[in-house]
Amino acid sequence: MKNFGYAEQYGIIVQIAWALIAVVVTSLGVSLYQTADLGVAPYDYLSLGLRDKTKKHYYGCRMFTDGIAALATYLLGGLVGLGTLLSALCLGPVIHFFDVHISEKFIGYTPQSEKEEEQRDSSK
């Protein structure tokens, strides 16, 4: 049996709580470094590039790329648990929330591609 750390002994509720806290902290970090527009990791660019090419919302593109990564992990025999699924479903919307409500205001800058997305949304 695999040991997944001390949270395992406290049950599924504690594990879900830690996973949700991790999603929020990770999302804030990703939002800050993407909003600063100083470069992006290759994996993160998949969702940003997909957003730019398809004109869809970032959070949907992020959920799609995270879902594909989780599916590929499962098909290749990797471990896909509740934390993986929470990350795949929640990172996109929470990053988008932080983009709009925290990062853009804190940094004082909105990347051009996000301005275009906001303009598309306001014209609908």
N, C-alpha and C. Protein backbone atom coordinates (compact mmCIF):
# COMPACT_ATOMS: atom_id res chain seq x y z
N MET A 1 0.84 -1.19 0.00
CA MET A 1 0.00 0.00 0.00
C MET A 1 0.88 1.25 0.00
N LYS A 2 0.47 2.23 -0.77
CA LYS A 2 1.24 3.47 -0.86
C LYS A 2 0.89 4.39 0.30
N ASN A 3 1.88 5.12 0.78
CA ASN A 3 1.68 6.07 1.84
C ASN A 3 1.67 7.48 1.23
N PHE A 4 0.59 8.20 1.40
CA PHE A 4 0.44 9.52 0.82
C PHE A 4 0.58 10.64 1.84
N GLY A 5 1.23 10.39 2.95
CA GLY A 5 1.48 11.43 3.92
C GLY A 5 0.55 11.35 5.12
N TYR A 6 0.77 12.28 6.03
CA TYR A 6 0.04 12.23 7.30
C TYR A 6 -1.45 12.51 7.14
N ALA A 7 -1.88 13.23 6.10
CA ALA A 7 -3.30 13.53 5.92
C ALA A 7 -4.11 12.27 5.70
N GLU A 8 -3.44 11.23 5.21
CA GLU A 8 -4.13 9.97 4.94
C GLU A 8 -4.75 9.38 6.21
N GLN A 9 -4.09 9.53 7.33
CA GLN A 9 -4.59 8.94 8.57
C GLN A 9 -5.83 9.67 9.11
N TYR A 10 -6.10 10.90 8.63
CA TYR A 10 -7.23 11.67 9.12
C TYR A 10 -8.48 11.51 8.26
N GLY A 11 -8.39 10.80 7.16
CA GLY A 11 -9.56 10.52 6.36
C GLY A 11 -9.71 11.41 5.13
N ILE A 12 -10.74 11.10 4.39
CA ILE A 12 -10.97 11.72 3.08
C ILE A 12 -11.30 13.22 3.19
N ILE A 13 -11.98 13.64 4.22
CA ILE A 13 -12.36 15.04 4.37
C ILE A 13 -11.12 15.92 4.51
N VAL A 14 -10.17 15.49 5.32
CA VAL A 14 -8.93 16.25 5.49
C VAL A 14 -8.14 16.25 4.19
N GLN A 15 -8.12 15.14 3.48
CA GLN A 15 -7.40 15.06 2.21
C GLN A 15 -8.02 16.02 1.18
N ILE A 16 -9.34 16.06 1.12
CA ILE A 16 -10.01 16.98 0.20
C ILE A 16 -9.72 18.43 0.59
N ALA A 17 -9.75 18.72 1.88
CA ALA A 17 -9.46 20.08 2.34
C ALA A 17 -8.05 20.50 1.94
N TRP A 18 -7.06 19.62 2.13
CA TRP A 18 -5.68 19.94 1.74
C TRP A 18 -5.57 20.12 0.23
N ALA A 19 -6.28 19.29 -0.52
CA ALA A 19 -6.24 19.41 -1.99
C ALA A 19 -6.84 20.74 -2.43
N LEU A 20 -7.93 21.16 -1.81
CA LEU A 20 -8.55 22.43 -2.18
C LEU A 20 -7.66 23.62 -1.79
N ILE A 21 -7.01 23.53 -0.64
CA ILE A 21 -6.07 24.58 -0.25
C ILE A 21 -4.93 24.65 -1.26
N ALA A 22 -4.44 23.50 -1.69
CA ALA A 22 -3.35 23.46 -2.67
C ALA A 22 -3.79 24.07 -4.00
N VAL A 23 -5.03 23.81 -4.42
CA VAL A 23 -5.54 24.39 -5.66
C VAL A 23 -5.58 25.91 -5.56
N VAL A 24 -6.03 26.43 -4.44
CA VAL A 24 -6.13 27.88 -4.27
C VAL A 24 -4.74 28.52 -4.26
N VAL A 25 -3.80 27.97 -3.51
CA VAL A 25 -2.46 28.54 -3.44
C VAL A 25 -1.76 28.45 -4.80
N THR A 26 -1.87 27.31 -5.46
CA THR A 26 -1.26 27.14 -6.78
C THR A 26 -1.88 28.10 -7.78
N SER A 27 -3.19 28.25 -7.74
CA SER A 27 -3.88 29.15 -8.67
C SER A 27 -3.43 30.60 -8.50
N LEU A 28 -3.27 31.03 -7.26
CA LEU A 28 -2.79 32.39 -7.02
C LEU A 28 -1.40 32.58 -7.61
N GLY A 29 -0.52 31.63 -7.38
CA GLY A 29 0.84 31.72 -7.92
C GLY A 29 0.85 31.74 -9.44
N VAL A 30 0.09 30.86 -10.07
CA VAL A 30 0.03 30.82 -11.53
C VAL A 30 -0.55 32.13 -12.06
N SER A 31 -1.59 32.62 -11.43
CA SER A 31 -2.22 33.86 -11.87
C SER A 31 -1.24 35.03 -11.81
N LEU A 32 -0.49 35.12 -10.72
CA LEU A 32 0.47 36.22 -10.58
C LEU A 32 1.56 36.17 -11.64
N TYR A 33 2.12 34.98 -11.88
CA TYR A 33 3.23 34.96 -12.83
C TYR A 33 2.76 35.05 -14.27
N GLN A 34 1.54 34.59 -14.57
CA GLN A 34 1.04 34.75 -15.93
C GLN A 34 0.61 36.20 -16.19
N THR A 35 0.03 36.84 -15.21
CA THR A 35 -0.40 38.23 -15.37
C THR A 35 0.79 39.16 -15.52
N ALA A 36 1.90 38.85 -14.86
CA ALA A 36 3.10 39.68 -14.98
C ALA A 36 3.64 39.67 -16.41
N ASP A 37 3.27 38.66 -17.20
CA ASP A 37 3.62 38.56 -18.62
C ASP A 37 5.14 38.61 -18.83
N LEU A 38 5.87 37.91 -17.97
CA LEU A 38 7.33 37.86 -18.07
C LEU A 38 7.82 36.51 -18.59
N GLY A 39 6.93 35.73 -19.14
CA GLY A 39 7.26 34.40 -19.62
C GLY A 39 6.37 33.38 -18.95
N VAL A 40 6.16 32.28 -19.64
CA VAL A 40 5.23 31.27 -19.15
C VAL A 40 5.85 29.89 -19.35
N ALA A 41 5.58 28.99 -18.43
CA ALA A 41 6.04 27.61 -18.57
C ALA A 41 5.35 26.95 -19.77
N PRO A 42 6.02 26.00 -20.42
CA PRO A 42 5.43 25.36 -21.61
C PRO A 42 4.05 24.75 -21.36
N TYR A 43 3.88 24.06 -20.23
CA TYR A 43 2.58 23.45 -19.97
C TYR A 43 1.50 24.51 -19.81
N ASP A 44 1.81 25.59 -19.13
CA ASP A 44 0.82 26.66 -18.94
C ASP A 44 0.49 27.35 -20.26
N TYR A 45 1.45 27.38 -21.17
CA TYR A 45 1.17 28.02 -22.46
C TYR A 45 0.16 27.23 -23.28
N LEU A 46 0.04 25.93 -23.04
CA LEU A 46 -0.95 25.15 -23.79
C LEU A 46 -2.34 25.77 -23.66
N SER A 47 -2.74 26.10 -22.46
CA SER A 47 -4.07 26.68 -22.26
C SER A 47 -4.12 28.13 -22.73
N LEU A 48 -3.03 28.88 -22.55
CA LEU A 48 -3.00 30.27 -23.03
C LEU A 48 -3.03 30.32 -24.55
N GLY A 49 -2.26 29.46 -25.20
CA GLY A 49 -2.26 29.42 -26.66
C GLY A 49 -3.58 28.95 -27.21
N LEU A 50 -4.19 27.97 -26.55
CA LEU A 50 -5.50 27.48 -26.98
C LEU A 50 -6.54 28.59 -26.85
N ARG A 51 -6.46 29.37 -25.79
CA ARG A 51 -7.37 30.50 -25.62
C ARG A 51 -7.20 31.51 -26.74
N ASP A 52 -5.94 31.81 -27.08
CA ASP A 52 -5.68 32.80 -28.12
C ASP A 52 -6.13 32.31 -29.50
N LYS A 53 -5.97 31.02 -29.77
CA LYS A 53 -6.31 30.48 -31.10
C LYS A 53 -7.80 30.20 -31.26
N THR A 54 -8.47 29.77 -30.19
CA THR A 54 -9.89 29.39 -30.30
C THR A 54 -10.84 30.50 -29.88
N LYS A 55 -10.33 31.53 -29.22
CA LYS A 55 -11.15 32.63 -28.70
C LYS A 55 -12.15 32.15 -27.64
N LYS A 56 -11.80 31.09 -26.93
CA LYS A 56 -12.61 30.59 -25.82
C LYS A 56 -12.06 31.15 -24.52
N HIS A 57 -12.82 31.00 -23.45
CA HIS A 57 -12.38 31.48 -22.14
C HIS A 57 -11.17 30.69 -21.66
N TYR A 58 -10.29 31.40 -20.92
CA TYR A 58 -9.10 30.75 -20.38
C TYR A 58 -9.45 29.57 -19.49
N TYR A 59 -10.42 29.75 -18.60
CA TYR A 59 -10.72 28.68 -17.65
C TYR A 59 -11.17 27.41 -18.34
N GLY A 60 -11.91 27.54 -19.44
CA GLY A 60 -12.32 26.35 -20.20
C GLY A 60 -11.14 25.68 -20.87
N CYS A 61 -10.24 26.48 -21.42
CA CYS A 61 -9.04 25.93 -22.05
C CYS A 61 -8.15 25.25 -21.02
N ARG A 62 -8.04 25.85 -19.84
CA ARG A 62 -7.21 25.26 -18.78
C ARG A 62 -7.82 23.95 -18.30
N MET A 63 -9.13 23.91 -18.13
CA MET A 63 -9.78 22.67 -17.72
C MET A 63 -9.59 21.58 -18.78
N PHE A 64 -9.64 21.96 -20.05
CA PHE A 64 -9.45 21.01 -21.14
C PHE A 64 -8.03 20.44 -21.12
N THR A 65 -7.02 21.30 -21.04
CA THR A 65 -5.64 20.80 -21.06
C THR A 65 -5.32 19.99 -19.80
N ASP A 66 -5.83 20.42 -18.65
CA ASP A 66 -5.61 19.64 -17.43
C ASP A 66 -6.32 18.29 -17.50
N GLY A 67 -7.51 18.28 -18.08
CA GLY A 67 -8.25 17.03 -18.24
C GLY A 67 -7.54 16.07 -19.19
N ILE A 68 -7.01 16.59 -20.28
CA ILE A 68 -6.25 15.76 -21.22
C ILE A 68 -5.00 15.19 -20.54
N ALA A 69 -4.33 16.01 -19.74
CA ALA A 69 -3.14 15.54 -19.02
C ALA A 69 -3.51 14.44 -18.03
N ALA A 70 -4.62 14.60 -17.32
CA ALA A 70 -5.06 13.58 -16.36
C ALA A 70 -5.44 12.29 -17.09
N LEU A 71 -6.12 12.43 -18.22
CA LEU A 71 -6.50 11.25 -19.01
C LEU A 71 -5.27 10.53 -19.54
N ALA A 72 -4.30 11.26 -20.06
CA ALA A 72 -3.06 10.65 -20.55
C ALA A 72 -2.32 9.95 -19.42
N THR A 73 -2.30 10.56 -18.24
CA THR A 73 -1.66 9.94 -17.08
C THR A 73 -2.33 8.62 -16.75
N TYR A 74 -3.65 8.61 -16.74
CA TYR A 74 -4.39 7.38 -16.44
C TYR A 74 -4.14 6.31 -17.49
N LEU A 75 -4.20 6.70 -18.76
CA LEU A 75 -4.01 5.73 -19.85
C LEU A 75 -2.61 5.15 -19.88
N LEU A 76 -1.64 5.92 -19.38
CA LEU A 76 -0.26 5.44 -19.34
C LEU A 76 0.07 4.73 -18.03
N GLY A 77 -0.94 4.51 -17.20
CA GLY A 77 -0.75 3.74 -15.98
C GLY A 77 -0.37 4.55 -14.76
N GLY A 78 -0.49 5.86 -14.84
CA GLY A 78 -0.15 6.71 -13.70
C GLY A 78 -1.27 6.78 -12.68
N LEU A 79 -0.97 7.38 -11.56
CA LEU A 79 -1.93 7.52 -10.48
C LEU A 79 -2.79 8.76 -10.70
N VAL A 80 -4.08 8.55 -10.82
CA VAL A 80 -5.04 9.66 -10.94
C VAL A 80 -6.02 9.50 -9.80
N GLY A 81 -5.91 10.40 -8.84
CA GLY A 81 -6.78 10.33 -7.67
C GLY A 81 -7.69 11.53 -7.58
N LEU A 82 -8.29 11.68 -6.44
CA LEU A 82 -9.21 12.78 -6.21
C LEU A 82 -8.51 14.14 -6.34
N GLY A 83 -7.28 14.25 -5.85
CA GLY A 83 -6.53 15.50 -5.97
C GLY A 83 -6.27 15.88 -7.41
N THR A 84 -5.99 14.90 -8.24
CA THR A 84 -5.76 15.15 -9.66
C THR A 84 -7.03 15.67 -10.32
N LEU A 85 -8.15 15.05 -9.99
CA LEU A 85 -9.42 15.48 -10.57
C LEU A 85 -9.83 16.86 -10.08
N LEU A 86 -9.62 17.13 -8.79
CA LEU A 86 -9.91 18.47 -8.27
C LEU A 86 -9.06 19.52 -8.96
N SER A 87 -7.80 19.21 -9.16
CA SER A 87 -6.91 20.14 -9.86
C SER A 87 -7.37 20.37 -11.29
N ALA A 88 -7.70 19.30 -11.99
CA ALA A 88 -8.12 19.42 -13.38
C ALA A 88 -9.39 20.26 -13.52
N LEU A 89 -10.30 20.11 -12.58
CA LEU A 89 -11.58 20.82 -12.68
C LEU A 89 -11.56 22.21 -12.07
N CYS A 90 -10.68 22.46 -11.12
CA CYS A 90 -10.74 23.71 -10.37
C CYS A 90 -9.65 24.73 -10.71
N LEU A 91 -8.50 24.30 -11.21
CA LEU A 91 -7.42 25.26 -11.46
C LEU A 91 -7.85 26.36 -12.43
N GLY A 92 -8.47 26.01 -13.54
CA GLY A 92 -8.86 27.01 -14.53
C GLY A 92 -9.76 28.10 -13.97
N PRO A 93 -10.90 27.74 -13.37
CA PRO A 93 -11.77 28.77 -12.82
C PRO A 93 -11.15 29.59 -11.69
N VAL A 94 -10.35 28.95 -10.83
CA VAL A 94 -9.76 29.69 -9.72
C VAL A 94 -8.65 30.61 -10.21
N ILE A 95 -7.84 30.18 -11.18
CA ILE A 95 -6.84 31.06 -11.78
C ILE A 95 -7.53 32.26 -12.42
N HIS A 96 -8.60 32.01 -13.15
CA HIS A 96 -9.33 33.10 -13.79
C HIS A 96 -9.88 34.09 -12.75
N PHE A 97 -10.41 33.56 -11.65
CA PHE A 97 -10.89 34.42 -10.57
C PHE A 97 -9.77 35.32 -10.04
N PHE A 98 -8.61 34.73 -9.76
CA PHE A 98 -7.48 35.51 -9.26
C PHE A 98 -6.97 36.50 -10.30
N ASP A 99 -7.01 36.12 -11.59
CA ASP A 99 -6.62 37.07 -12.64
C ASP A 99 -7.43 38.35 -12.55
N VAL A 100 -8.73 38.20 -12.47
CA VAL A 100 -9.65 39.34 -12.52
C VAL A 100 -9.66 40.12 -11.20
N HIS A 101 -9.67 39.43 -10.09
CA HIS A 101 -9.90 40.09 -8.80
C HIS A 101 -8.64 40.42 -8.00
N ILE A 102 -7.52 39.78 -8.28
CA ILE A 102 -6.32 40.00 -7.47
C ILE A 102 -5.13 40.43 -8.33
N SER A 103 -4.71 39.57 -9.23
CA SER A 103 -3.44 39.76 -9.94
C SER A 103 -3.38 41.04 -10.77
N GLU A 104 -4.41 41.29 -11.57
CA GLU A 104 -4.39 42.47 -12.42
C GLU A 104 -4.38 43.75 -11.59
N LYS A 105 -5.07 43.75 -10.46
CA LYS A 105 -5.09 44.93 -9.60
C LYS A 105 -3.78 45.07 -8.83
N PHE A 106 -3.23 43.97 -8.36
CA PHE A 106 -2.00 43.99 -7.58
C PHE A 106 -0.81 44.40 -8.45
N ILE A 107 -0.72 43.80 -9.64
CA ILE A 107 0.40 44.08 -10.54
C ILE A 107 0.17 45.37 -11.32
N GLY A 108 -1.09 45.72 -11.54
CA GLY A 108 -1.40 46.94 -12.28
C GLY A 108 -1.19 46.80 -13.77
N TYR A 109 -1.34 45.58 -14.28
CA TYR A 109 -1.09 45.32 -15.69
C TYR A 109 -2.01 44.20 -16.14
N THR A 110 -2.55 44.33 -17.34
CA THR A 110 -3.36 43.27 -17.94
C THR A 110 -2.72 42.88 -19.26
N PRO A 111 -2.32 41.61 -19.42
CA PRO A 111 -1.73 41.18 -20.69
C PRO A 111 -2.69 41.43 -21.86
N GLN A 112 -2.15 41.72 -23.03
CA GLN A 112 -2.95 42.04 -24.21
C GLN A 112 -3.96 40.95 -24.52
N SER A 113 -3.58 39.69 -24.42
CA SER A 113 -4.50 38.60 -24.74
C SER A 113 -5.68 38.56 -23.78
N GLU A 114 -5.48 38.95 -22.52
CA GLU A 114 -6.59 39.00 -21.58
C GLU A 114 -7.49 40.19 -21.87
N LYS A 115 -6.92 41.30 -22.32
CA LYS A 115 -7.74 42.45 -22.71
C LYS A 115 -8.66 42.06 -23.87
N GLU A 116 -8.12 41.31 -24.83
CA GLU A 116 -8.93 40.87 -25.96
C GLU A 116 -10.06 39.96 -25.51
N GLU A 117 -9.78 39.08 -24.55
CA GLU A 117 -10.82 38.19 -24.04
C GLU A 117 -11.92 38.99 -23.34
N GLU A 118 -11.53 40.00 -22.56
CA GLU A 118 -12.51 40.85 -21.89
C GLU A 118 -13.36 41.63 -22.89
N GLN A 119 -12.75 42.10 -23.98
CA GLN A 119 -13.48 42.83 -25.01
C GLN A 119 -14.49 41.92 -25.70
N ARG A 120 -14.09 40.66 -25.97
CA ARG A 120 -15.03 39.71 -26.58
C ARG A 120 -16.22 39.47 -25.67
N ASP A 121 -15.95 39.34 -24.36
CA ASP A 121 -17.02 39.09 -23.40
C ASP A 121 -17.98 40.28 -23.30
N SER A 122 -17.44 41.49 -23.32
CA SER A 122 -18.29 42.68 -23.16
C SER A 122 -19.11 42.98 -24.40
N SER A 123 -18.68 42.49 -25.57
CA SER A 123 -19.43 42.75 -26.80
C SER A 123 -20.57 41.77 -27.01
N LYS A 124 -20.67 40.75 -26.17
CA LYS A 124 -21.74 39.74 -26.31
C LYS A 124 -23.01 40.21 -25.68
